[in-house]
């Protein structure tokens, strides 16, 4: 039975293909190492020295902190919230906002407060009245339902 010897051109082609595969694998290893390095760097930004995940105190989002929160900065600009003694508070209230991690952050507390007080403001505006008496003075109610004497 005749034996078949592989041609040298075929074996060279196989060697070339193997070299390409090896080169490609090395490139992939390098790319994978860079990707892992970038991923671990990005993830470590949100983990503090104590191992806690840092998240935005305002909106409860782990992708940024309060300093980088556009919604928080907009609320400050609009005058809805402010800083009192280094803490966050509603502008028209004395009490400070509580931390609300895992439940929507401080934003959820402020939204609830605004919804509740928007309804009260609407109702009091609906019940405003003006009364003229015979003496010539008048009494008005403001939007908040407080009597004002003129």
Protein backbone atom coordinates (compact mmCIF):
# COMPACT_ATOMS: atom_id res chain seq x y z
CA UNK A 1 0.00 0.00 0.00
CA UNK A 2 1.43 3.34 -0.95
CA UNK A 3 1.99 5.83 1.83
CA UNK A 4 0.97 9.39 1.27
CA UNK A 5 3.40 12.04 2.36
CA UNK A 6 1.95 15.46 3.13
CA UNK A 7 3.20 18.02 0.73
CA UNK A 8 5.51 20.65 2.13
CA UNK A 9 3.32 23.45 0.80
CA UNK A 10 0.34 22.09 2.74
CA UNK A 11 2.31 21.80 5.99
CA UNK A 12 3.62 25.36 5.55
CA UNK A 13 0.05 26.59 5.11
CA UNK A 14 -1.03 24.79 8.30
CA UNK A 15 1.92 26.32 10.16
CA UNK A 16 0.96 29.79 8.89
CA UNK A 17 -2.65 29.28 9.98
CA UNK A 18 -1.49 28.16 13.44
CA UNK A 19 0.76 31.21 13.76
CA UNK A 20 -2.17 33.47 12.88
CA UNK A 21 -4.35 31.75 15.46
CA UNK A 22 -1.64 32.09 18.11
CA UNK A 23 -1.12 35.77 17.23
CA UNK A 24 -4.87 36.37 17.42
CA UNK A 25 -5.07 34.68 20.80
CA UNK A 26 -2.25 36.87 22.14
CA UNK A 27 -4.05 39.98 20.89
CA UNK A 28 -7.25 38.82 22.56
CA UNK A 29 -5.41 38.21 25.84
CA UNK A 30 -4.01 41.74 25.75
CA UNK A 31 -7.42 43.23 24.95
CA UNK A 32 -9.08 41.17 27.69
CA UNK A 33 -6.48 42.28 30.24
CA UNK A 34 -7.07 45.94 29.31
CA UNK A 35 -10.84 45.49 29.51
CA UNK A 36 -10.60 43.85 32.95
CA UNK A 37 -8.33 46.66 34.14
CA UNK A 38 -10.76 49.34 32.92
CA UNK A 39 -13.75 47.53 34.40
CA UNK A 40 -12.13 47.13 37.82
CA UNK A 41 -11.10 50.81 37.78
CA UNK A 42 -14.67 51.93 36.97
CA UNK A 43 -16.20 49.68 39.63
CA UNK A 44 -13.74 50.78 42.29
CA UNK A 45 -14.83 54.41 41.85
CA UNK A 46 -18.15 53.59 43.54
CA UNK A 47 -16.67 51.54 46.39
CA UNK A 48 -15.35 53.46 49.37
CA UNK A 49 -12.37 52.50 51.52
CA UNK A 50 -14.71 50.77 53.96
CA UNK A 51 -16.13 48.64 51.13
CA UNK A 52 -19.50 50.37 50.92
CA UNK A 53 -21.01 51.11 47.52
CA UNK A 54 -21.15 54.87 47.09
CA UNK A 55 -24.39 56.19 45.68
CA UNK A 56 -26.07 59.52 45.20
CA UNK A 57 -27.77 60.62 48.43
CA UNK A 58 -30.27 62.63 46.37
CA UNK A 59 -31.53 60.16 43.73
CA UNK A 60 -30.16 56.87 45.17
CA UNK A 61 -28.28 56.08 41.92
CA UNK A 62 -25.01 54.13 42.24
CA UNK A 63 -23.60 55.49 38.97
CA UNK A 64 -22.73 58.87 40.51
CA UNK A 65 -22.53 60.79 43.78
CA UNK A 66 -24.47 63.86 44.87
CA UNK A 67 -21.72 66.18 43.65
CA UNK A 68 -22.31 64.94 40.09
CA UNK A 69 -26.12 64.75 40.31
CA UNK A 70 -27.80 67.08 37.79
CA UNK A 71 -31.22 66.68 39.44
CA UNK A 72 -29.83 67.77 42.82
CA UNK A 73 -28.12 70.81 41.30
CA UNK A 74 -31.36 71.78 39.49
CA UNK A 75 -33.35 71.60 42.75
CA UNK A 76 -30.79 73.87 44.44
CA UNK A 77 -30.98 76.34 41.51
CA UNK A 78 -34.79 76.33 41.61
CA UNK A 79 -34.70 77.13 45.32
CA UNK A 80 -36.68 74.07 46.37
CA UNK A 81 -33.89 72.70 48.57
CA UNK A 82 -30.95 74.38 50.25
CA UNK A 83 -28.02 73.76 52.58
CA UNK A 84 -28.64 74.31 56.31
CA UNK A 85 -25.69 73.74 58.64
CA UNK A 86 -24.01 71.60 55.98
CA UNK A 87 -27.07 69.39 55.52
CA UNK A 88 -29.82 69.27 52.89
CA UNK A 89 -33.23 70.73 53.74
CA UNK A 90 -36.37 71.98 52.05
CA UNK A 91 -36.07 75.73 51.61
CA UNK A 92 -39.37 76.58 53.32
CA UNK A 93 -39.00 74.09 56.22
CA UNK A 94 -36.79 73.97 59.28
CA UNK A 95 -36.35 70.20 59.51
CA UNK A 96 -33.56 68.51 57.57
CA UNK A 97 -34.12 65.82 54.96
CA UNK A 98 -33.42 62.27 56.11
CA UNK A 99 -31.24 59.79 54.24
CA UNK A 100 -33.47 57.50 52.18
CA UNK A 101 -31.17 54.90 50.60
CA UNK A 102 -32.88 52.02 48.86
CA UNK A 103 -36.17 53.94 48.62
CA UNK A 104 -35.44 56.54 45.96
CA UNK A 105 -33.16 58.83 47.98
CA UNK A 106 -34.03 62.27 49.30
CA UNK A 107 -35.65 63.05 45.95
CA UNK A 108 -38.52 60.67 46.77
CA UNK A 109 -39.11 62.43 50.11
CA UNK A 110 -39.16 65.86 48.45
CA UNK A 111 -41.49 64.67 45.68
CA UNK A 112 -43.92 63.30 48.27
CA UNK A 113 -43.77 66.57 50.21
CA UNK A 114 -44.33 68.67 47.08
CA UNK A 115 -47.29 66.53 45.95
CA UNK A 116 -48.90 66.82 49.37
CA UNK A 117 -48.39 70.58 49.66
CA UNK A 118 -49.32 71.29 46.04
CA UNK A 119 -52.78 69.87 46.80
CA UNK A 120 -53.08 71.98 49.97
CA UNK A 121 -52.02 75.13 48.08
CA UNK A 122 -54.57 74.44 45.33
CA UNK A 123 -57.36 73.89 47.86
CA UNK A 124 -56.55 77.05 49.82
CA UNK A 125 -56.45 79.09 46.60
CA UNK A 126 -59.92 77.80 45.74
CA UNK A 127 -61.33 78.95 49.07
CA UNK A 128 -60.00 82.50 48.98
CA UNK A 129 -62.64 85.18 49.68
CA UNK A 130 -63.07 88.93 49.98
CA UNK A 131 -65.51 90.49 52.43
CA UNK A 132 -66.34 94.21 52.48
CA UNK A 133 -67.89 95.50 55.65
CA UNK A 134 -70.00 98.62 56.11
CA UNK A 135 -67.25 100.52 57.91
CA UNK A 136 -65.17 100.77 54.76
CA UNK A 137 -62.41 98.31 55.55
CA UNK A 138 -62.05 95.00 53.84
CA UNK A 139 -60.82 91.59 54.82
CA UNK A 140 -59.14 89.24 52.36
CA UNK A 141 -57.89 85.71 52.58
CA UNK A 142 -54.57 84.95 50.99
CA UNK A 143 -53.77 81.82 49.02
CA UNK A 144 -52.76 80.20 52.28
CA UNK A 145 -56.08 80.89 53.97
CA UNK A 146 -54.74 83.48 56.45
CA UNK A 147 -56.91 86.54 57.07
CA UNK A 148 -55.33 89.87 56.17
CA UNK A 149 -56.78 93.20 57.28
CA UNK A 150 -56.44 96.26 55.06
